[in-house]
Protein backbone atom coordinates (compact mmCIF):
# COMPACT_ATOMS: atom_id res chain seq x y z
CA MET A 1 -1.10 21.78 -4.55
CA ASP A 2 -3.42 19.03 -3.47
CA ARG A 3 -5.52 18.68 -6.62
CA THR A 4 -2.46 19.21 -9.04
CA ARG A 5 -0.21 16.59 -7.30
CA ARG A 6 -3.07 13.99 -7.09
CA GLY A 7 -3.82 14.74 -10.65
CA VAL A 8 -0.28 13.88 -11.56
CA LEU A 9 -0.30 10.73 -9.59
CA ALA A 10 -3.67 9.61 -11.26
CA ALA A 11 -2.46 10.19 -14.47
CA ALA A 12 0.64 8.09 -13.82
CA ALA A 13 -1.35 5.44 -11.94
CA SER A 14 -3.47 4.84 -15.13
CA LEU A 15 -0.26 3.43 -16.60
CA ALA A 16 0.10 1.28 -13.49
CA SER A 17 -3.25 -0.13 -12.76
CA LEU A 18 -3.05 -3.19 -10.45
CA ALA A 19 -5.26 -6.23 -10.79
CA GLY A 20 -5.31 -7.22 -7.30
CA CYS A 21 -5.77 -10.79 -6.59
CA VAL A 22 -8.11 -11.81 -3.62
CA GLY A 23 -5.37 -12.53 -0.90
CA ASP A 24 -6.63 -14.08 1.96
CA GLU A 25 -2.66 -10.03 0.83
CA ALA A 26 29.47 -0.68 -3.84
CA ALA A 27 32.63 -1.94 -4.56
CA THR A 28 35.55 -0.27 -2.65
CA ALA A 29 38.79 0.63 -4.51
CA THR A 30 41.98 -0.20 -2.77
CA GLU A 31 45.55 0.80 -3.40
CA PRO A 32 47.93 -2.07 -4.41
CA PRO A 33 50.03 -3.47 -1.57
CA THR A 34 53.55 -1.89 -1.25
CA GLU A 35 56.73 -3.84 -0.31
CA GLN A 36 56.83 -1.98 2.91
CA PRO A 37 53.31 -1.73 4.24
CA PRO A 38 52.71 1.43 6.32
CA THR A 39 52.57 0.99 10.24
CA ALA A 40 49.64 2.41 12.14
CA THR A 41 50.58 5.72 13.98
CA PRO A 42 48.68 6.12 17.41
CA THR A 43 46.75 9.29 17.62
CA PRO A 44 47.83 11.32 20.88
CA PRO A 45 45.26 11.99 23.12
CA PRO A 46 43.83 15.52 23.15
CA THR A 47 45.54 17.98 25.42
CA ALA A 48 43.53 20.19 28.13
CA SER A 49 43.38 22.93 25.69
CA GLU A 50 41.91 20.92 22.96
CA THR A 51 38.22 20.21 22.62
CA PRO A 52 36.67 17.19 20.39
CA PRO A 53 34.94 18.54 17.14
CA PRO A 54 31.26 19.08 17.41
CA THR A 55 28.82 16.45 16.48
CA ALA A 56 26.88 17.53 13.30
CA THR A 57 23.26 17.90 13.98
CA PRO A 58 21.07 16.58 11.24
CA ALA A 59 19.00 19.35 9.47
CA ALA A 60 15.30 19.39 10.14
CA SER A 61 13.00 17.88 7.55
CA THR A 62 9.26 18.61 7.22
CA VAL A 63 6.49 16.89 5.59
CA ARG A 64 2.92 18.26 5.23
CA LEU A 65 -0.18 16.12 5.80
CA TRP A 66 -3.50 17.27 4.44
CA PRO A 67 -6.16 15.54 6.33
CA LYS A 68 -9.16 14.43 4.32
CA ALA A 69 -11.78 14.82 7.00
CA VAL A 70 -14.41 17.68 7.45
CA THR A 71 -14.72 19.34 10.69
CA THR A 72 -17.67 21.54 11.87
CA VAL A 73 -17.39 23.59 15.04
CA PHE A 74 -20.73 24.33 16.83
CA GLU A 75 -21.37 26.94 19.49
CA GLY A 76 -22.35 25.52 22.72
CA ASP A 77 -23.07 21.95 23.85
CA VAL A 78 -24.34 20.12 20.87
CA GLY A 79 -25.31 16.49 21.18
CA ALA A 80 -24.84 13.68 18.51
CA ASP A 81 -28.54 13.53 18.15
CA ALA A 82 -28.87 17.07 16.93
CA VAL A 83 -26.18 16.22 14.32
CA ASP A 84 -27.81 13.20 13.26
CA ASP A 85 -31.16 15.00 12.81
CA ALA A 86 -29.78 17.52 10.79
CA LEU A 87 -27.80 15.01 8.51
CA GLY A 88 -30.49 12.52 8.49
CA GLY A 89 -27.87 10.07 9.90
CA ILE A 90 -24.28 10.53 10.79
CA PRO A 91 -21.79 9.30 8.30
CA GLY A 92 -19.33 6.41 9.34
CA GLN A 93 -16.03 7.24 10.79
CA ALA A 94 -17.30 10.39 12.71
CA GLN A 95 -16.71 11.93 16.11
CA VAL A 96 -18.76 14.38 18.18
CA TYR A 97 -17.16 15.83 21.19
CA ARG A 98 -17.11 19.12 23.45
CA ARG A 99 -14.35 21.27 24.50
CA ASN A 100 -14.51 24.29 27.03
CA ARG A 101 -12.64 27.25 25.67
CA ALA A 102 -11.87 30.64 27.02
CA ASP A 103 -14.68 32.06 24.78
CA GLY A 104 -17.23 29.33 25.85
CA THR A 105 -18.18 25.84 25.03
CA VAL A 106 -17.79 24.52 21.49
CA THR A 107 -18.74 21.16 20.01
CA TYR A 108 -16.64 19.43 17.30
CA PHE A 109 -18.23 16.99 14.73
CA VAL A 110 -15.40 15.46 12.63
CA SER A 111 -16.37 13.20 9.64
CA ALA A 112 -13.78 11.19 7.87
CA ALA A 113 -16.39 9.84 5.36
CA ALA A 114 -15.14 10.23 1.59
CA SER A 115 -18.57 11.18 0.51
CA PHE A 116 -18.99 14.03 2.95
CA TYR A 117 -17.88 17.54 2.03
CA VAL A 118 -17.60 20.99 3.40
CA ALA A 119 -20.42 22.07 1.30
CA ASP A 120 -22.66 19.24 2.68
CA ALA A 121 -21.96 20.37 6.28
CA LYS A 122 -22.74 23.99 5.45
CA GLU A 123 -25.96 23.07 3.60
CA ALA A 124 -27.24 20.53 6.30
CA PHE A 125 -26.32 22.62 9.47
CA GLY A 126 -27.14 26.06 7.90
CA ASP A 127 -30.82 24.78 7.59
CA ALA A 128 -30.87 23.66 11.28
CA ASP A 129 -32.30 26.38 13.30
CA GLU A 130 -30.94 24.86 16.73
CA LEU A 131 -27.44 24.69 15.41
CA ALA A 132 -25.09 27.57 15.47
CA VAL A 133 -22.14 26.83 13.31
CA ARG A 134 -18.82 28.80 14.22
CA ARG A 135 -16.84 27.45 11.15
CA VAL A 136 -16.49 24.48 8.82
CA TYR A 137 -13.13 23.29 7.27
CA ARG A 138 -11.41 20.59 5.63
CA GLY A 139 -9.32 18.88 8.46
CA VAL A 140 -9.32 17.53 11.85
CA GLY A 141 -10.33 18.86 15.40
CA PRO A 142 -7.87 19.14 18.44
CA ARG A 143 -8.50 15.58 19.58
CA TYR A 144 -7.19 13.92 16.30
CA ARG A 145 -4.46 16.59 16.04
CA ARG A 146 -3.20 15.44 19.46
CA GLN A 147 -3.32 11.93 18.46
CA TYR A 148 -1.38 12.72 15.34
CA ALA A 149 1.26 14.62 17.48
CA SER A 150 1.72 11.77 19.96
CA VAL A 151 1.77 8.80 17.39
CA LEU A 152 4.22 10.75 14.96
CA GLY A 153 6.48 11.75 17.82
CA GLU A 154 6.86 8.06 18.90
CA GLN A 155 7.29 6.77 15.29
CA VAL A 156 9.87 9.36 14.38
CA ALA A 157 11.71 8.82 17.68
CA GLU A 158 11.92 5.05 16.98
CA HIS A 159 12.79 5.31 13.20
CA ALA A 160 15.50 8.13 13.31
CA ALA A 161 16.80 7.63 16.74
CA VAL A 162 15.87 11.18 18.06
CA ASP A 163 14.16 12.39 21.10
CA ALA A 164 10.38 12.48 20.77
CA SER A 165 10.44 16.01 22.28
CA SER A 166 12.20 17.12 18.88
CA VAL A 167 9.34 16.20 16.79
CA THR A 168 6.81 18.94 16.29
CA LEU A 169 3.54 19.14 14.70
CA SER A 170 2.25 22.61 13.56
CA PRO A 171 -1.17 23.18 12.06
CA GLY A 172 -1.94 25.73 9.40
CA ARG A 173 -4.80 26.66 7.05
CA LEU A 174 -4.81 27.44 3.31
CA GLY A 175 -8.17 28.55 2.70
CA SER A 176 -10.72 26.37 4.23
CA HIS A 177 -8.16 23.31 4.09
CA GLN A 178 -6.09 22.59 7.21
CA PHE A 179 -2.49 21.13 6.97
CA LEU A 180 -0.31 19.60 9.66
CA ASP A 181 3.37 20.25 9.23
CA VAL A 182 5.48 17.55 10.97
CA SER A 183 9.19 18.41 11.47
CA ALA A 184 12.14 16.71 13.05
CA PRO A 185 16.04 16.72 12.87
CA ALA A 186 15.78 13.53 10.60
CA ALA A 187 15.65 12.27 7.02
CA ARG A 188 12.37 12.83 5.53
CA SER A 189 11.79 9.17 5.05
CA ALA A 190 11.64 8.62 8.70
CA ILE A 191 8.66 11.21 9.29
CA VAL A 192 6.42 10.15 6.39
CA PRO A 193 3.86 8.00 7.96
CA MET A 194 3.74 4.24 6.76
CA LEU A 195 6.88 4.38 4.38
CA PRO A 196 9.76 3.57 7.00
CA GLU A 197 7.82 0.24 7.79
CA LEU A 198 6.56 -0.55 4.39
CA SER A 199 8.07 -3.12 2.09
CA PHE A 200 6.99 -5.20 -0.98
CA ARG A 201 7.80 -8.95 -0.98
CA ARG A 202 6.88 -11.84 -3.16
CA ALA A 203 3.43 -13.28 -2.44
CA ASP A 204 5.03 -16.26 -0.44
CA GLY A 205 6.97 -13.69 1.62
CA THR A 206 10.28 -15.23 0.83
CA GLU A 207 11.98 -12.43 -1.10
CA ARG A 208 11.99 -8.57 -0.34
CA LEU A 209 11.54 -6.90 -3.75
CA VAL A 210 11.43 -3.14 -2.58
CA GLY A 211 11.90 -1.45 0.85
CA PRO A 212 12.36 0.14 3.06
CA ASP A 213 14.60 1.98 0.49
CA GLY A 214 13.18 2.52 -3.05
CA PHE A 215 10.17 4.63 -2.31
CA ALA A 216 10.12 8.08 -3.60
CA VAL A 217 9.58 10.15 -0.56
CA ASP A 218 9.74 13.46 -2.38
CA ALA A 219 6.76 12.33 -4.32
CA GLY A 220 4.69 12.09 -1.16
CA PHE A 221 1.78 9.49 -1.01
CA LEU A 222 -2.03 9.64 -1.11
CA LEU A 223 -3.83 7.46 1.44
CA VAL A 224 -7.63 7.80 1.17
CA ARG A 225 -11.05 6.15 1.33
CA SER A 226 -12.27 5.39 -2.18
CA ARG A 227 -15.20 7.68 -3.18
CA SER A 228 -16.24 5.16 -5.89
CA ARG A 229 -15.92 1.88 -4.06
CA ASP A 230 -17.58 1.99 -0.47
CA GLY A 231 -15.45 0.32 2.08
CA VAL A 232 -12.15 0.40 0.14
CA VAL A 233 -8.86 2.26 1.00
CA THR A 234 -6.46 3.21 -1.62
CA VAL A 235 -2.83 4.07 -1.29
CA ASP A 236 -1.07 5.98 -4.15
CA LEU A 237 2.69 5.99 -3.89
CA THR A 238 5.64 6.16 -6.18
CA LEU A 239 8.74 4.33 -6.28
CA ASP A 240 12.22 5.87 -6.99
CA ASP A 241 14.86 4.76 -9.54
CA GLU A 242 16.42 2.17 -7.26
CA GLY A 243 12.67 0.76 -6.51
CA ILE A 244 11.68 0.71 -10.17
CA GLU A 245 14.84 -1.25 -10.98
CA ALA A 246 14.40 -3.76 -8.25
CA PHE A 247 10.69 -4.11 -8.96
CA GLY A 248 11.29 -4.23 -12.66
CA ASP A 249 13.82 -6.95 -12.42
CA ALA A 250 11.42 -8.93 -10.52
CA VAL A 251 8.73 -8.59 -13.06
CA ARG A 252 10.92 -9.62 -15.95
CA ALA A 253 12.22 -12.66 -14.15
CA ALA A 254 8.62 -13.78 -13.17
CA SER A 255 6.29 -16.03 -15.33
CA ASP A 256 2.93 -14.72 -16.72
CA GLU A 257 1.30 -16.94 -14.44
CA ALA A 258 2.81 -15.60 -11.33
CA LEU A 259 2.34 -11.81 -12.64
CA ARG A 260 -1.32 -12.32 -13.31
CA GLY A 261 -1.83 -14.27 -9.92
CA GLU A 262 -0.22 -13.64 -6.50
CA PHE A 263 2.87 -11.79 -7.56
CA PHE A 264 3.58 -9.60 -4.41
CA ARG A 265 2.36 -8.33 -1.19
CA PRO A 266 2.90 -5.17 0.81
CA VAL A 267 4.20 -5.68 4.36
CA VAL A 268 3.81 -3.09 7.09
CA ASP A 269 5.85 -3.35 10.29
CA GLY A 270 6.25 -7.20 9.59
CA GLU A 271 2.58 -7.68 8.96
CA ALA A 272 1.88 -9.10 5.59
CA LEU A 273 -1.14 -7.66 3.74
CA ARG A 274 -3.18 -8.91 0.75
CA THR A 275 -1.52 -10.05 -2.44
CA PHE A 276 -1.46 -8.27 -5.83
CA GLY A 277 -1.18 -9.37 -9.38
CA LEU A 278 -0.27 -7.18 -12.22
CA SER A 279 -2.45 -6.51 -15.41
CA GLU A 280 -0.88 -7.57 -18.67
CA ALA A 281 -0.64 -3.87 -19.80
CA PHE A 282 1.15 -2.76 -16.64
CA ALA A 283 3.53 -5.64 -16.91
CA THR A 284 4.20 -4.68 -20.53
CA ASP A 285 4.88 -1.07 -19.55
CA ILE A 286 7.49 -2.10 -16.93
CA GLU A 287 9.32 -4.49 -19.47
CA ASN A 288 9.45 -1.80 -22.02
CA GLY A 289 10.70 0.86 -19.51
CA ASP A 290 7.67 2.96 -19.91
CA TRP A 291 6.72 2.92 -16.14
CA ASN A 292 7.65 5.97 -14.04
CA GLY A 293 7.20 4.11 -10.70
CA ALA A 294 3.53 5.13 -9.80
CA LEU A 295 1.44 2.47 -8.08
CA THR A 296 -2.07 2.47 -6.75
CA LEU A 297 -2.94 -0.25 -4.15
CA SER A 298 -6.60 -0.93 -2.88
CA PHE A 299 -7.58 -2.58 0.36
CA ALA A 300 -10.74 -3.47 2.11
CA ALA A 301 -11.34 -0.76 4.79
CA ARG A 302 -11.85 -3.39 7.48
CA THR A 303 -9.95 -6.60 7.83
CA ASP A 304 -10.51 -9.06 10.74
CA GLY A 305 -12.08 -6.20 12.78
CA GLU A 306 -9.19 -3.83 12.36
CA SER A 307 -9.26 -0.75 10.15
CA THR A 308 -6.63 -1.21 7.42
CA ILE A 309 -5.92 2.51 7.34
CA ALA A 310 -4.95 2.43 10.93
CA ARG A 311 -2.58 -0.59 10.24
CA LEU A 312 -0.98 1.23 7.31
CA THR A 313 -0.28 4.26 9.31
CA GLY A 314 0.82 2.61 12.76
CA GLY A 315 -2.08 3.97 14.91
CA LEU A 316 -2.84 7.40 13.43
CA PRO A 317 -6.50 8.39 13.32
CA PRO A 318 -8.77 6.74 10.76
CA VAL A 319 -8.59 9.79 8.52
CA GLY A 320 -7.15 9.73 4.95
CA VAL A 321 -4.20 12.06 4.24
CA ASP A 322 -2.43 13.60 1.27
CA CYS A 323 1.37 13.74 2.20
CA GLU A 324 3.32 16.65 0.47
CA ILE A 325 6.92 17.36 0.77
CA PRO A 326 7.17 21.13 0.89
CA ASP A 327 9.73 22.83 -1.27
């Protein structure tokens, strides 16, 4: 799933390479009137034997998050110094913490560094005699998992007007890769992190181009730290037919100067991020109708002392995720 979907997104994104500028970011049919217009007839109140019709309950929707971190679980109480010695330095965006369980104390080392893999952890910690590894997997430990559950519960409750207690987060594992299923009695768009609060506006902020409708939620999105460009966060997402039309209309109406310069900026929860321009090839594909809606946006990992990935996801842990819509 993960590799295939990302491959498709990457191929599509090649048509939609964005040249970012440094941004300091139905008609209703009616019957013709008659000579004698109908008069309103009051509806009689229900009798004691009548009951009002039940209110329809929205069907539960689910999205699946694939955290892009590596978690190593050690036996016993392991300090950060021991982890640092084994690795020759702890990667950035890492946590070391302990938890007392029924079968004894364990220590979790969670690394969200894009360049750190399960194989790296197994090799480094397997050679350390003083470290007893219980398991290594792609995913997050219980501390980040609780943070996901809390933040997503609050987000979905606000976006979908449901009770936070109706939002569930269920962890699972496919091989050595952990996933987190988020479910709620709400539309999928309300439970995909970032999308309910995301819009595209013109660079000057005066006109909304896309959002909150217009994003292809069923295509999921990819939010990761770049492996090739240190300190960069990339977001791969796809617009639906409505979004493609709206964005395309804006492109066709803009001058070449505007397209190559500061054409649009993403806005998350009212906060404007950096501006982006479009490459000539990308704009030509849009104008010719050869664009399928795939976009790749890149941001500096830290802006004004705040992690962009946290800003994009509204307080979720600083761990990149794939977002999949299960069949």
